[in-house]
Structures are given as structure tokens and as C-alpha cells.
Amino acid sequence: MPSAEDHASLRRALEISLRLGLVALIATWCFQIARPFLRPIA
């Protein structure tokens, strides 16, 4: 049976991975939106 400490660390790892995934998704989305405006500059 997992201890409370194991449960807390697993929950924290899940929360961190979820937040990192959301940040990556938002960054990709922002880049897709900005791409037409960046193309004439580059």
C-alpha cells in the first residue's frame, strides 16, 4: 500500500507534467498565431 508521501509526490509529478504540457501547448498556439507576422521580418 503506497504511503501518503508517495501519493503526494505522485500527485505533484502529475501536476507538474500537466502544467508543462499546457505551457507547451499555449506556446505552440501562440507561435502558430504569430507566424504570418514573423515571416516578413525574417
PDB file of N, CA and C in Angstrom:
ATOM      1  N   MET A   1       0.842  -1.183   0.000  1.00  0.00           N
ATOM      2  CA  MET A   1       0.000   0.000   0.000  1.00  0.00           C
ATOM      3  C   MET A   1       0.888   1.247   0.000  1.00  0.00           C
ATOM      4  N   PRO A   2       0.669   2.166  -0.934  1.00  0.00           N
ATOM      5  CA  PRO A   2       1.526   3.356  -1.001  1.00  0.00           C
ATOM      6  C   PRO A   2       1.306   4.273   0.193  1.00  0.00           C
ATOM      7  N   SER A   3       2.395   4.881   0.612  1.00  0.00           N
ATOM      8  CA  SER A   3       2.304   5.781   1.754  1.00  0.00           C
ATOM      9  C   SER A   3       1.776   7.135   1.304  1.00  0.00           C
ATOM     10  N   ALA A   4       1.475   7.989   2.268  1.00  0.00           N
ATOM     11  CA  ALA A   4       0.959   9.324   1.969  1.00  0.00           C
ATOM     12  C   ALA A   4       2.011  10.149   1.238  1.00  0.00           C
ATOM     13  N   GLU A   5       3.289   9.926   1.583  1.00  0.00           N
ATOM     14  CA  GLU A   5       4.368  10.668   0.926  1.00  0.00           C
ATOM     15  C   GLU A   5       4.478  10.278  -0.550  1.00  0.00           C
ATOM     16  N   ASP A   6       4.334   8.984  -0.842  1.00  0.00           N
ATOM     17  CA  ASP A   6       4.363   8.527  -2.229  1.00  0.00           C
ATOM     18  C   ASP A   6       3.199   9.121  -3.018  1.00  0.00           C
ATOM     19  N   HIS A   7       2.040   9.152  -2.383  1.00  0.00           N
ATOM     20  CA  HIS A   7       0.850   9.703  -3.036  1.00  0.00           C
ATOM     21  C   HIS A   7       1.045  11.188  -3.329  1.00  0.00           C
ATOM     22  N   ALA A   8       1.611  11.924  -2.397  1.00  0.00           N
ATOM     23  CA  ALA A   8       1.830  13.358  -2.580  1.00  0.00           C
ATOM     24  C   ALA A   8       2.850  13.619  -3.684  1.00  0.00           C
ATOM     25  N   SER A   9       3.925  12.847  -3.731  1.00  0.00           N
ATOM     26  CA  SER A   9       4.942  13.063  -4.760  1.00  0.00           C
ATOM     27  C   SER A   9       4.402  12.681  -6.141  1.00  0.00           C
ATOM     28  N   LEU A  10       3.589  11.635  -6.216  1.00  0.00           N
ATOM     29  CA  LEU A  10       2.988  11.252  -7.486  1.00  0.00           C
ATOM     30  C   LEU A  10       2.020  12.333  -7.963  1.00  0.00           C
ATOM     31  N   ARG A  11       1.252  12.868  -7.049  1.00  0.00           N
ATOM     32  CA  ARG A  11       0.309  13.942  -7.394  1.00  0.00           C
ATOM     33  C   ARG A  11       1.046  15.183  -7.863  1.00  0.00           C
ATOM     34  N   ARG A  12       2.155  15.506  -7.195  1.00  0.00           N
ATOM     35  CA  ARG A  12       2.946  16.686  -7.588  1.00  0.00           C
ATOM     36  C   ARG A  12       3.581  16.468  -8.970  1.00  0.00           C
ATOM     37  N   ALA A  13       4.098  15.278  -9.234  1.00  0.00           N
ATOM     38  CA  ALA A  13       4.684  14.981 -10.529  1.00  0.00           C
ATOM     39  C   ALA A  13       3.629  15.073 -11.635  1.00  0.00           C
ATOM     40  N   LEU A  14       2.442  14.588 -11.375  1.00  0.00           N
ATOM     41  CA  LEU A  14       1.355  14.669 -12.340  1.00  0.00           C
ATOM     42  C   LEU A  14       0.968  16.118 -12.600  1.00  0.00           C
ATOM     43  N   GLU A  15       0.900  16.918 -11.551  1.00  0.00           N
ATOM     44  CA  GLU A  15       0.549  18.331 -11.693  1.00  0.00           C
ATOM     45  C   GLU A  15       1.615  19.080 -12.499  1.00  0.00           C
ATOM     46  N   ILE A  16       2.880  18.805 -12.224  1.00  0.00           N
ATOM     47  CA  ILE A  16       3.969  19.468 -12.946  1.00  0.00           C
ATOM     48  C   ILE A  16       3.944  19.081 -14.420  1.00  0.00           C
ATOM     49  N   SER A  17       3.766  17.809 -14.715  1.00  0.00           N
ATOM     50  CA  SER A  17       3.750  17.377 -16.113  1.00  0.00           C
ATOM     51  C   SER A  17       2.544  17.962 -16.843  1.00  0.00           C
ATOM     52  N   LEU A  18       1.418  18.072 -16.175  1.00  0.00           N
ATOM     53  CA  LEU A  18       0.238  18.665 -16.784  1.00  0.00           C
ATOM     54  C   LEU A  18       0.467  20.144 -17.086  1.00  0.00           C
ATOM     55  N   ARG A  19       1.058  20.860 -16.137  1.00  0.00           N
ATOM     56  CA  ARG A  19       1.334  22.284 -16.359  1.00  0.00           C
ATOM     57  C   ARG A  19       2.348  22.491 -17.477  1.00  0.00           C
ATOM     58  N   LEU A  20       3.382  21.662 -17.530  1.00  0.00           N
ATOM     59  CA  LEU A  20       4.372  21.782 -18.601  1.00  0.00           C
ATOM     60  C   LEU A  20       3.734  21.512 -19.964  1.00  0.00           C
ATOM     61  N   GLY A  21       2.867  20.536 -20.008  1.00  0.00           N
ATOM     62  CA  GLY A  21       2.164  20.246 -21.255  1.00  0.00           C
ATOM     63  C   GLY A  21       1.282  21.401 -21.696  1.00  0.00           C
ATOM     64  N   LEU A  22       0.584  22.020 -20.751  1.00  0.00           N
ATOM     65  CA  LEU A  22      -0.266  23.157 -21.087  1.00  0.00           C
ATOM     66  C   LEU A  22       0.562  24.351 -21.550  1.00  0.00           C
ATOM     67  N   VAL A  23       1.696  24.605 -20.901  1.00  0.00           N
ATOM     68  CA  VAL A  23       2.574  25.694 -21.315  1.00  0.00           C
ATOM     69  C   VAL A  23       3.093  25.445 -22.730  1.00  0.00           C
ATOM     70  N   ALA A  24       3.482  24.212 -23.028  1.00  0.00           N
ATOM     71  CA  ALA A  24       3.958  23.885 -24.372  1.00  0.00           C
ATOM     72  C   ALA A  24       2.839  24.060 -25.400  1.00  0.00           C
ATOM     73  N   LEU A  25       1.642  23.651 -25.050  1.00  0.00           N
ATOM     74  CA  LEU A  25       0.508  23.799 -25.959  1.00  0.00           C
ATOM     75  C   LEU A  25       0.208  25.271 -26.233  1.00  0.00           C
ATOM     76  N   ILE A  26       0.205  26.093 -25.199  1.00  0.00           N
ATOM     77  CA  ILE A  26      -0.060  27.522 -25.368  1.00  0.00           C
ATOM     78  C   ILE A  26       1.060  28.193 -26.157  1.00  0.00           C
ATOM     79  N   ALA A  27       2.318  27.823 -25.893  1.00  0.00           N
ATOM     80  CA  ALA A  27       3.438  28.403 -26.643  1.00  0.00           C
ATOM     81  C   ALA A  27       3.343  28.039 -28.121  1.00  0.00           C
ATOM     82  N   THR A  28       2.985  26.795 -28.424  1.00  0.00           N
ATOM     83  CA  THR A  28       2.824  26.369 -29.814  1.00  0.00           C
ATOM     84  C   THR A  28       1.685  27.127 -30.477  1.00  0.00           C
ATOM     85  N   TRP A  29       0.605  27.290 -29.764  1.00  0.00           N
ATOM     86  CA  TRP A  29      -0.554  28.002 -30.287  1.00  0.00           C
ATOM     87  C   TRP A  29      -0.205  29.460 -30.577  1.00  0.00           C
ATOM     88  N   CYS A  30       0.507  30.108 -29.659  1.00  0.00           N
ATOM     89  CA  CYS A  30       0.920  31.500 -29.868  1.00  0.00           C
ATOM     90  C   CYS A  30       1.856  31.621 -31.062  1.00  0.00           C
ATOM     91  N   PHE A  31       2.767  30.671 -31.235  1.00  0.00           N
ATOM     92  CA  PHE A  31       3.671  30.708 -32.374  1.00  0.00           C
ATOM     93  C   PHE A  31       2.904  30.540 -33.683  1.00  0.00           C
ATOM     94  N   GLN A  32       1.902  29.660 -33.687  1.00  0.00           N
ATOM     95  CA  GLN A  32       1.080  29.470 -34.889  1.00  0.00           C
ATOM     96  C   GLN A  32       0.337  30.762 -35.245  1.00  0.00           C
ATOM     97  N   ILE A  33      -0.137  31.473 -34.235  1.00  0.00           N
ATOM     98  CA  ILE A  33      -0.852  32.725 -34.483  1.00  0.00           C
ATOM     99  C   ILE A  33       0.108  33.801 -34.991  1.00  0.00           C
ATOM    100  N   ALA A  34       1.311  33.865 -34.429  1.00  0.00           N
ATOM    101  CA  ALA A  34       2.266  34.923 -34.778  1.00  0.00           C
ATOM    102  C   ALA A  34       3.055  34.626 -36.044  1.00  0.00           C
ATOM    103  N   ARG A  35       3.035  33.397 -36.535  1.00  0.00           N
ATOM    104  CA  ARG A  35       3.867  33.014 -37.683  1.00  0.00           C
ATOM    105  C   ARG A  35       3.646  33.880 -38.921  1.00  0.00           C
ATOM    106  N   PRO A  36       2.414  34.212 -39.328  1.00  0.00           N
ATOM    107  CA  PRO A  36       2.245  35.039 -40.524  1.00  0.00           C
ATOM    108  C   PRO A  36       2.880  36.436 -40.385  1.00  0.00           C
ATOM    109  N   PHE A  37       2.943  36.946 -39.168  1.00  0.00           N
ATOM    110  CA  PHE A  37       3.501  38.277 -38.951  1.00  0.00           C
ATOM    111  C   PHE A  37       5.025  38.232 -38.823  1.00  0.00           C
ATOM    112  N   LEU A  38       5.566  37.096 -38.466  1.00  0.00           N
ATOM    113  CA  LEU A  38       7.025  36.963 -38.329  1.00  0.00           C
ATOM    114  C   LEU A  38       7.700  36.657 -39.659  1.00  0.00           C
ATOM    115  N   ARG A  39       6.989  36.084 -40.588  1.00  0.00           N
ATOM    116  CA  ARG A  39       7.573  35.685 -41.859  1.00  0.00           C
ATOM    117  C   ARG A  39       8.148  36.871 -42.651  1.00  0.00           C
ATOM    118  N   PRO A  40       7.469  38.028 -42.762  1.00  0.00           N
ATOM    119  CA  PRO A  40       8.067  39.151 -43.499  1.00  0.00           C
ATOM    120  C   PRO A  40       9.314  39.720 -42.827  1.00  0.00           C
ATOM    121  N   ILE A  41       9.433  39.576 -41.524  1.00  0.00           N
ATOM    122  CA  ILE A  41      10.581  40.117 -40.797  1.00  0.00           C
ATOM    123  C   ILE A  41      11.806  39.258 -41.039  1.00  0.00           C
ATOM    124  N   ALA A  42      11.653  37.939 -40.992  1.00  0.00           N
ATOM    125  CA  ALA A  42      12.796  37.027 -41.086  1.00  0.00           C
ATOM    126  C   ALA A  42      13.311  36.853 -42.488  1.00  0.00           C
TER     127      ALA A  42
END
